[in-house]
Amino acid sequence: MSKFNKASSTLFYKEHEGKAFFPNLQAFMTSDVAVGIELVAPDAVKKWRNLLGPTNTAVAKKDAPSSLRA
């Protein structure tokens, strides 16, 4: 577990900096501790994203009903 600060969250989410949702993302990610995980498998990130499902929960419920976000 670790805690993001403004600088570390900006670095971690660099590709989202400047987007409209970034201030809310940064506020959320710096509000408490985060638990990191290590994904070890072929195509691990793709598999993890499939398990999570679409970021929009309404879309997840429709398109990936067995996903975590659904």
C-alpha atoms as a PDB file:
ATOM      1  CA  MET A   1       0.000   0.000   0.000  1.00  0.00           C
ATOM      2  CA  SER A   2       1.126   3.516  -0.703  1.00  0.00           C
ATOM      3  CA  LYS A   3      -0.325   6.994  -0.909  1.00  0.00           C
ATOM      4  CA  PHE A   4      -0.216   9.128  -4.013  1.00  0.00           C
ATOM      5  CA  ASN A   5       0.516  12.835  -3.742  1.00  0.00           C
ATOM      6  CA  LYS A   6      -0.172  15.403  -6.472  1.00  0.00           C
ATOM      7  CA  ALA A   7       3.231  14.916  -8.099  1.00  0.00           C
ATOM      8  CA  SER A   8       3.160  11.109  -8.081  1.00  0.00           C
ATOM      9  CA  SER A   9      -0.451  10.951  -9.282  1.00  0.00           C
ATOM     10  CA  THR A  10       0.338  13.353 -12.125  1.00  0.00           C
ATOM     11  CA  LEU A  11       3.269  11.181 -13.167  1.00  0.00           C
ATOM     12  CA  PHE A  12       1.254   7.950 -12.889  1.00  0.00           C
ATOM     13  CA  TYR A  13      -1.706   9.318 -14.864  1.00  0.00           C
ATOM     14  CA  LYS A  14       0.346  11.468 -17.262  1.00  0.00           C
ATOM     15  CA  GLU A  15      -1.708  10.406 -20.300  1.00  0.00           C
ATOM     16  CA  HIS A  16      -4.836  11.880 -18.674  1.00  0.00           C
ATOM     17  CA  GLU A  17      -3.332  15.195 -17.581  1.00  0.00           C
ATOM     18  CA  GLY A  18      -5.261  18.101 -19.089  1.00  0.00           C
ATOM     19  CA  LYS A  19      -8.457  16.083 -19.633  1.00  0.00           C
ATOM     20  CA  ALA A  20     -11.645  17.353 -18.031  1.00  0.00           C
ATOM     21  CA  PHE A  21     -11.888  14.442 -15.581  1.00  0.00           C
ATOM     22  CA  PHE A  22      -8.262  14.645 -14.412  1.00  0.00           C
ATOM     23  CA  PRO A  23      -8.822  16.922 -11.368  1.00  0.00           C
ATOM     24  CA  ASN A  24     -11.477  14.539 -10.000  1.00  0.00           C
ATOM     25  CA  LEU A  25      -9.283  11.506 -10.726  1.00  0.00           C
ATOM     26  CA  GLN A  26      -6.342  13.144  -8.985  1.00  0.00           C
ATOM     27  CA  ALA A  27      -8.451  14.159  -5.976  1.00  0.00           C
ATOM     28  CA  PHE A  28      -9.757  10.604  -5.636  1.00  0.00           C
ATOM     29  CA  MET A  29      -6.366   8.946  -6.059  1.00  0.00           C
ATOM     30  CA  THR A  30      -4.714  11.212  -3.473  1.00  0.00           C
ATOM     31  CA  SER A  31      -7.547  10.906  -0.925  1.00  0.00           C
ATOM     32  CA  ASP A  32      -6.357   7.670   0.696  1.00  0.00           C
ATOM     33  CA  VAL A  33      -3.952   4.774   0.285  1.00  0.00           C
ATOM     34  CA  ALA A  34      -3.815   2.679  -2.884  1.00  0.00           C
ATOM     35  CA  VAL A  35      -3.106  -1.031  -3.084  1.00  0.00           C
ATOM     36  CA  GLY A  36      -0.769  -2.015  -5.892  1.00  0.00           C
ATOM     37  CA  ILE A  37      -0.811  -5.385  -7.600  1.00  0.00           C
ATOM     38  CA  GLU A  38       1.645  -7.122  -9.871  1.00  0.00           C
ATOM     39  CA  LEU A  39       0.112  -8.817 -12.892  1.00  0.00           C
ATOM     40  CA  VAL A  40       2.189 -11.746 -14.093  1.00  0.00           C
ATOM     41  CA  ALA A  41       0.861 -13.653 -17.095  1.00  0.00           C
ATOM     42  CA  PRO A  42       0.904 -13.449 -20.858  1.00  0.00           C
ATOM     43  CA  ASP A  43      -1.402 -10.538 -21.810  1.00  0.00           C
ATOM     44  CA  ALA A  44      -1.935  -9.848 -18.101  1.00  0.00           C
ATOM     45  CA  VAL A  45      -3.138  -6.258 -18.535  1.00  0.00           C
ATOM     46  CA  LYS A  46      -5.616  -7.247 -21.241  1.00  0.00           C
ATOM     47  CA  LYS A  47      -6.941 -10.081 -19.051  1.00  0.00           C
ATOM     48  CA  TRP A  48      -7.261  -7.756 -16.064  1.00  0.00           C
ATOM     49  CA  ARG A  49      -9.163  -5.173 -18.104  1.00  0.00           C
ATOM     50  CA  ASN A  50     -11.514  -7.868 -19.387  1.00  0.00           C
ATOM     51  CA  LEU A  51     -12.165  -9.002 -15.815  1.00  0.00           C
ATOM     52  CA  LEU A  52     -12.909  -5.419 -14.743  1.00  0.00           C
ATOM     53  CA  GLY A  53     -15.122  -4.634 -17.730  1.00  0.00           C
ATOM     54  CA  PRO A  54     -15.895  -1.233 -19.268  1.00  0.00           C
ATOM     55  CA  THR A  55     -15.292   1.790 -17.031  1.00  0.00           C
ATOM     56  CA  ASN A  56     -18.899   2.938 -17.497  1.00  0.00           C
ATOM     57  CA  THR A  57     -20.930   0.655 -15.240  1.00  0.00           C
ATOM     58  CA  ALA A  58     -24.063   0.985 -17.381  1.00  0.00           C
ATOM     59  CA  VAL A  59     -22.090  -0.212 -20.403  1.00  0.00           C
ATOM     60  CA  ALA A  60     -20.503  -2.967 -18.297  1.00  0.00           C
ATOM     61  CA  LYS A  61     -23.925  -4.237 -17.210  1.00  0.00           C
ATOM     62  CA  LYS A  62     -25.041  -4.400 -20.843  1.00  0.00           C
ATOM     63  CA  ASP A  63     -21.890  -5.543 -22.642  1.00  0.00           C
ATOM     64  CA  ALA A  64     -19.992  -7.467 -19.933  1.00  0.00           C
ATOM     65  CA  PRO A  65     -22.532  -8.597 -17.333  1.00  0.00           C
ATOM     66  CA  SER A  66     -20.085 -10.984 -15.635  1.00  0.00           C
ATOM     67  CA  SER A  67     -17.406  -8.296 -15.187  1.00  0.00           C
ATOM     68  CA  LEU A  68     -16.552  -6.737 -11.826  1.00  0.00           C
ATOM     69  CA  ARG A  69     -17.867  -3.325 -12.848  1.00  0.00           C
ATOM     70  CA  ALA A  70     -21.215  -4.792 -13.882  1.00  0.00           C
END
